[in-house]
N, C-alpha and C. Protein backbone atom coordinates (compact mmCIF):
# COMPACT_ATOMS: atom_id res chain seq x y z
N UNK A 1 0.83 -1.19 0.00
CA UNK A 1 0.01 0.00 0.00
C UNK A 1 0.89 1.22 -0.02
N UNK A 2 0.56 2.20 -0.89
CA UNK A 2 1.40 3.41 -0.91
C UNK A 2 0.84 4.41 0.11
N UNK A 3 1.58 5.51 0.30
CA UNK A 3 1.20 6.44 1.37
C UNK A 3 -0.14 7.13 1.05
N UNK A 4 -0.42 7.41 -0.20
CA UNK A 4 -1.66 8.06 -0.58
C UNK A 4 -2.85 7.18 -0.23
N UNK A 5 -2.76 5.90 -0.57
CA UNK A 5 -3.87 4.95 -0.22
C UNK A 5 -3.97 4.75 1.26
N UNK A 6 -2.84 4.79 1.95
CA UNK A 6 -2.82 4.66 3.42
C UNK A 6 -3.51 5.84 4.07
N UNK A 7 -3.27 7.04 3.55
CA UNK A 7 -3.92 8.22 4.09
C UNK A 7 -5.43 8.16 3.85
N UNK A 8 -5.83 7.68 2.70
CA UNK A 8 -7.27 7.52 2.44
C UNK A 8 -7.91 6.52 3.41
N UNK A 9 -7.22 5.40 3.64
CA UNK A 9 -7.72 4.41 4.61
C UNK A 9 -7.74 5.01 5.99
N UNK A 10 -6.72 5.74 6.37
CA UNK A 10 -6.69 6.38 7.67
C UNK A 10 -7.85 7.39 7.83
N UNK A 11 -8.12 8.13 6.79
CA UNK A 11 -9.20 9.11 6.84
C UNK A 11 -10.57 8.41 6.95
N UNK A 12 -10.72 7.30 6.22
CA UNK A 12 -11.93 6.54 6.33
C UNK A 12 -12.11 5.99 7.76
N UNK A 13 -11.01 5.54 8.34
CA UNK A 13 -11.07 5.00 9.71
C UNK A 13 -11.39 6.13 10.70
N UNK A 14 -10.85 7.32 10.46
CA UNK A 14 -11.15 8.46 11.30
C UNK A 14 -12.64 8.80 11.21
N UNK A 15 -13.20 8.80 10.03
CA UNK A 15 -14.63 9.10 9.84
C UNK A 15 -15.48 8.07 10.55
N UNK A 16 -15.06 6.82 10.46
CA UNK A 16 -15.82 5.74 11.15
C UNK A 16 -15.72 5.95 12.70
N UNK A 17 -14.54 6.25 13.16
CA UNK A 17 -14.34 6.46 14.57
C UNK A 17 -15.15 7.68 15.04
N UNK A 18 -15.15 8.75 14.28
CA UNK A 18 -15.89 9.97 14.67
C UNK A 18 -17.43 9.73 14.74
N UNK A 19 -17.88 8.78 13.97
CA UNK A 19 -19.32 8.44 13.97
C UNK A 19 -19.66 7.44 15.04
N UNK A 20 -18.66 6.85 15.72
CA UNK A 20 -18.89 5.84 16.68
C UNK A 20 -19.06 6.49 18.10
N UNK A 21 -20.29 6.58 18.52
CA UNK A 21 -20.57 7.29 19.79
C UNK A 21 -19.96 6.59 21.03
N UNK A 22 -19.71 5.30 20.95
CA UNK A 22 -19.14 4.59 22.07
C UNK A 22 -17.61 4.68 22.09
N UNK A 23 -16.99 4.60 20.94
CA UNK A 23 -15.53 4.50 20.84
C UNK A 23 -14.83 5.87 20.76
N UNK A 24 -15.51 6.84 20.15
CA UNK A 24 -14.88 8.17 20.00
C UNK A 24 -14.46 8.78 21.35
N UNK A 25 -15.31 8.71 22.39
CA UNK A 25 -14.87 9.28 23.69
C UNK A 25 -13.68 8.53 24.28
N UNK A 26 -13.56 7.24 24.02
CA UNK A 26 -12.41 6.46 24.46
C UNK A 26 -11.13 6.99 23.79
N UNK A 27 -11.21 7.19 22.47
CA UNK A 27 -10.07 7.70 21.73
C UNK A 27 -9.69 9.11 22.25
N UNK A 28 -10.66 9.94 22.39
CA UNK A 28 -10.41 11.31 22.79
C UNK A 28 -9.86 11.34 24.23
N UNK A 29 -10.31 10.50 25.08
CA UNK A 29 -9.82 10.42 26.44
C UNK A 29 -8.39 9.88 26.50
N UNK A 30 -8.11 8.88 25.65
CA UNK A 30 -6.79 8.27 25.66
C UNK A 30 -5.72 9.16 25.07
N UNK A 31 -6.16 10.01 24.08
CA UNK A 31 -5.17 10.85 23.39
C UNK A 31 -5.17 12.29 23.82
N UNK A 32 -6.28 12.71 24.40
CA UNK A 32 -6.40 14.12 24.83
C UNK A 32 -6.77 15.08 23.72
N UNK A 33 -7.20 14.54 22.59
CA UNK A 33 -7.60 15.41 21.47
C UNK A 33 -9.04 15.90 21.69
N UNK A 34 -9.30 17.04 21.08
CA UNK A 34 -10.64 17.61 21.11
C UNK A 34 -11.31 17.41 19.75
N UNK A 35 -12.57 17.74 19.70
CA UNK A 35 -13.23 17.69 18.35
C UNK A 35 -12.57 18.64 17.34
N UNK A 36 -12.12 19.81 17.83
CA UNK A 36 -11.42 20.73 16.96
C UNK A 36 -10.11 20.15 16.46
N UNK A 37 -9.41 19.40 17.36
CA UNK A 37 -8.18 18.74 16.95
C UNK A 37 -8.43 17.66 15.84
N UNK A 38 -9.55 16.96 16.01
CA UNK A 38 -9.91 15.95 15.01
C UNK A 38 -10.07 16.59 13.65
N UNK A 39 -10.75 17.72 13.62
CA UNK A 39 -10.98 18.41 12.36
C UNK A 39 -9.71 19.00 11.78
N UNK A 40 -8.91 19.61 12.64
CA UNK A 40 -7.69 20.30 12.21
C UNK A 40 -6.62 19.35 11.72
N UNK A 41 -6.61 18.11 12.26
CA UNK A 41 -5.53 17.16 11.95
C UNK A 41 -5.95 16.03 11.02
N UNK A 42 -7.15 16.11 10.48
CA UNK A 42 -7.66 15.00 9.67
C UNK A 42 -6.80 14.70 8.43
N UNK A 43 -6.06 15.71 7.93
CA UNK A 43 -5.23 15.50 6.76
C UNK A 43 -3.76 15.23 7.13
N UNK A 44 -3.47 15.17 8.38
CA UNK A 44 -2.07 14.97 8.83
C UNK A 44 -1.77 13.46 8.90
N UNK A 45 -0.81 12.99 8.09
CA UNK A 45 -0.52 11.56 8.08
C UNK A 45 -0.07 11.02 9.46
N UNK A 46 0.63 11.84 10.25
CA UNK A 46 1.04 11.40 11.61
C UNK A 46 -0.17 11.18 12.47
N UNK A 47 -1.16 12.07 12.39
CA UNK A 47 -2.39 11.94 13.19
C UNK A 47 -3.16 10.72 12.73
N UNK A 48 -3.28 10.53 11.43
CA UNK A 48 -4.00 9.35 10.93
C UNK A 48 -3.35 8.07 11.38
N UNK A 49 -2.00 8.11 11.48
CA UNK A 49 -1.27 6.96 12.04
C UNK A 49 -1.69 6.69 13.50
N UNK A 50 -1.88 7.75 14.26
CA UNK A 50 -2.29 7.57 15.65
C UNK A 50 -3.72 7.03 15.75
N UNK A 51 -4.58 7.40 14.82
CA UNK A 51 -5.95 6.83 14.77
C UNK A 51 -5.85 5.35 14.52
N UNK A 52 -5.03 4.96 13.54
CA UNK A 52 -4.84 3.56 13.20
C UNK A 52 -4.20 2.82 14.35
N UNK A 53 -3.20 3.39 15.00
CA UNK A 53 -2.60 2.77 16.17
C UNK A 53 -3.65 2.44 17.23
N UNK A 54 -4.53 3.40 17.47
CA UNK A 54 -5.58 3.20 18.44
C UNK A 54 -6.49 2.05 18.06
N UNK A 55 -7.00 2.06 16.82
CA UNK A 55 -7.89 0.98 16.39
C UNK A 55 -7.24 -0.38 16.38
N UNK A 56 -5.95 -0.40 16.09
CA UNK A 56 -5.24 -1.69 16.01
C UNK A 56 -4.99 -2.31 17.40
N UNK A 57 -5.37 -1.60 18.44
CA UNK A 57 -5.21 -2.17 19.81
C UNK A 57 -6.22 -3.21 20.10
N UNK A 58 -7.30 -3.29 19.38
CA UNK A 58 -8.39 -4.26 19.72
C UNK A 58 -8.95 -4.89 18.47
N UNK A 59 -8.92 -6.21 18.43
CA UNK A 59 -9.39 -6.96 17.23
C UNK A 59 -10.86 -6.63 16.93
N UNK A 60 -11.69 -6.45 17.97
CA UNK A 60 -13.09 -6.15 17.73
C UNK A 60 -13.25 -4.79 17.03
N UNK A 61 -12.41 -3.84 17.35
CA UNK A 61 -12.46 -2.56 16.69
C UNK A 61 -12.04 -2.67 15.25
N UNK A 62 -11.02 -3.45 15.01
CA UNK A 62 -10.56 -3.67 13.61
C UNK A 62 -11.69 -4.30 12.77
N UNK A 63 -12.30 -5.35 13.30
CA UNK A 63 -13.33 -6.06 12.56
C UNK A 63 -14.51 -5.09 12.31
N UNK A 64 -14.95 -4.37 13.34
CA UNK A 64 -16.10 -3.47 13.19
C UNK A 64 -15.81 -2.39 12.14
N UNK A 65 -14.64 -1.78 12.23
CA UNK A 65 -14.25 -0.72 11.31
C UNK A 65 -14.17 -1.29 9.88
N UNK A 66 -13.48 -2.37 9.68
CA UNK A 66 -13.30 -2.93 8.34
C UNK A 66 -14.62 -3.40 7.74
N UNK A 67 -15.48 -4.02 8.57
CA UNK A 67 -16.77 -4.42 8.04
C UNK A 67 -17.63 -3.22 7.63
N UNK A 68 -17.60 -2.18 8.46
CA UNK A 68 -18.36 -1.01 8.15
C UNK A 68 -17.87 -0.30 6.87
N UNK A 69 -16.57 -0.36 6.66
CA UNK A 69 -15.97 0.30 5.48
C UNK A 69 -15.78 -0.65 4.32
N UNK A 70 -16.19 -1.89 4.49
CA UNK A 70 -16.03 -2.90 3.43
C UNK A 70 -14.58 -3.01 2.99
N UNK A 71 -13.68 -3.14 3.99
CA UNK A 71 -12.24 -3.33 3.73
C UNK A 71 -11.78 -4.65 4.21
N UNK A 72 -10.73 -5.18 3.62
CA UNK A 72 -10.12 -6.42 4.16
C UNK A 72 -9.63 -6.17 5.60
N UNK A 73 -9.63 -7.21 6.37
CA UNK A 73 -9.27 -7.06 7.79
C UNK A 73 -7.84 -6.61 7.98
N UNK A 74 -6.96 -6.87 7.04
CA UNK A 74 -5.56 -6.47 7.20
C UNK A 74 -5.29 -5.04 6.66
N UNK A 75 -6.30 -4.38 6.18
CA UNK A 75 -6.09 -3.07 5.52
C UNK A 75 -5.64 -2.00 6.51
N UNK A 76 -6.13 -2.01 7.72
CA UNK A 76 -5.71 -1.04 8.70
C UNK A 76 -4.23 -1.21 9.08
N UNK A 77 -3.83 -2.42 9.24
CA UNK A 77 -2.42 -2.71 9.53
C UNK A 77 -1.51 -2.30 8.37
N UNK A 78 -1.94 -2.61 7.16
CA UNK A 78 -1.12 -2.26 6.01
C UNK A 78 -1.07 -0.75 5.85
N UNK A 79 -2.19 -0.05 6.07
CA UNK A 79 -2.18 1.39 5.99
C UNK A 79 -1.26 1.99 7.07
N UNK A 80 -1.33 1.42 8.27
CA UNK A 80 -0.45 1.95 9.35
C UNK A 80 1.04 1.80 8.96
N UNK A 81 1.39 0.71 8.38
CA UNK A 81 2.75 0.44 8.00
C UNK A 81 3.25 1.41 6.94
N UNK A 82 2.34 1.94 6.13
CA UNK A 82 2.72 2.85 5.04
C UNK A 82 2.77 4.33 5.48
N UNK A 83 2.24 4.61 6.67
CA UNK A 83 2.26 6.01 7.16
C UNK A 83 3.52 6.26 8.00
N UNK A 84 3.89 7.50 8.20
CA UNK A 84 5.06 7.82 9.02
C UNK A 84 5.02 7.16 10.42
N UNK A 85 6.10 6.53 10.77
CA UNK A 85 6.23 5.90 12.09
C UNK A 85 5.68 4.47 12.12
N UNK A 86 5.18 3.99 11.01
CA UNK A 86 4.59 2.67 11.00
C UNK A 86 5.51 1.52 10.65
N UNK A 87 6.76 1.86 10.37
CA UNK A 87 7.68 0.83 9.94
C UNK A 87 8.06 -0.06 11.14
N UNK A 88 8.22 -1.35 10.84
CA UNK A 88 8.65 -2.29 11.85
C UNK A 88 10.10 -2.06 12.19
N UNK A 89 10.45 -2.02 13.46
CA UNK A 89 11.90 -1.88 13.81
C UNK A 89 12.64 -3.17 13.45
N UNK A 90 13.85 -3.00 12.98
CA UNK A 90 14.76 -4.07 12.71
C UNK A 90 15.84 -4.10 13.71
N UNK A 91 15.95 -5.18 14.47
CA UNK A 91 16.87 -5.25 15.58
C UNK A 91 18.19 -5.92 15.19
N UNK A 92 18.36 -6.25 13.94
CA UNK A 92 19.61 -6.87 13.54
C UNK A 92 20.49 -5.90 12.80
């Protein structure tokens, strides 16, 4: 997945999260962002990466998001890997 497609997936995930009345307050509480921050940072690849990091913490969130967006279950992980900071560390 290239960075442009990853940003699109991240933006779709953000829209899904913003519409989720149960999960959005959890994200906002965990990150300290406000509604204004969500709007202001929606196009920021680093912020979209943090949205994906949050969703990737729970398999149920991944499944719900991907099913709602009609995406393959691995798409959030692939999008996260293509955004800044998503690379796997190499310890060798």
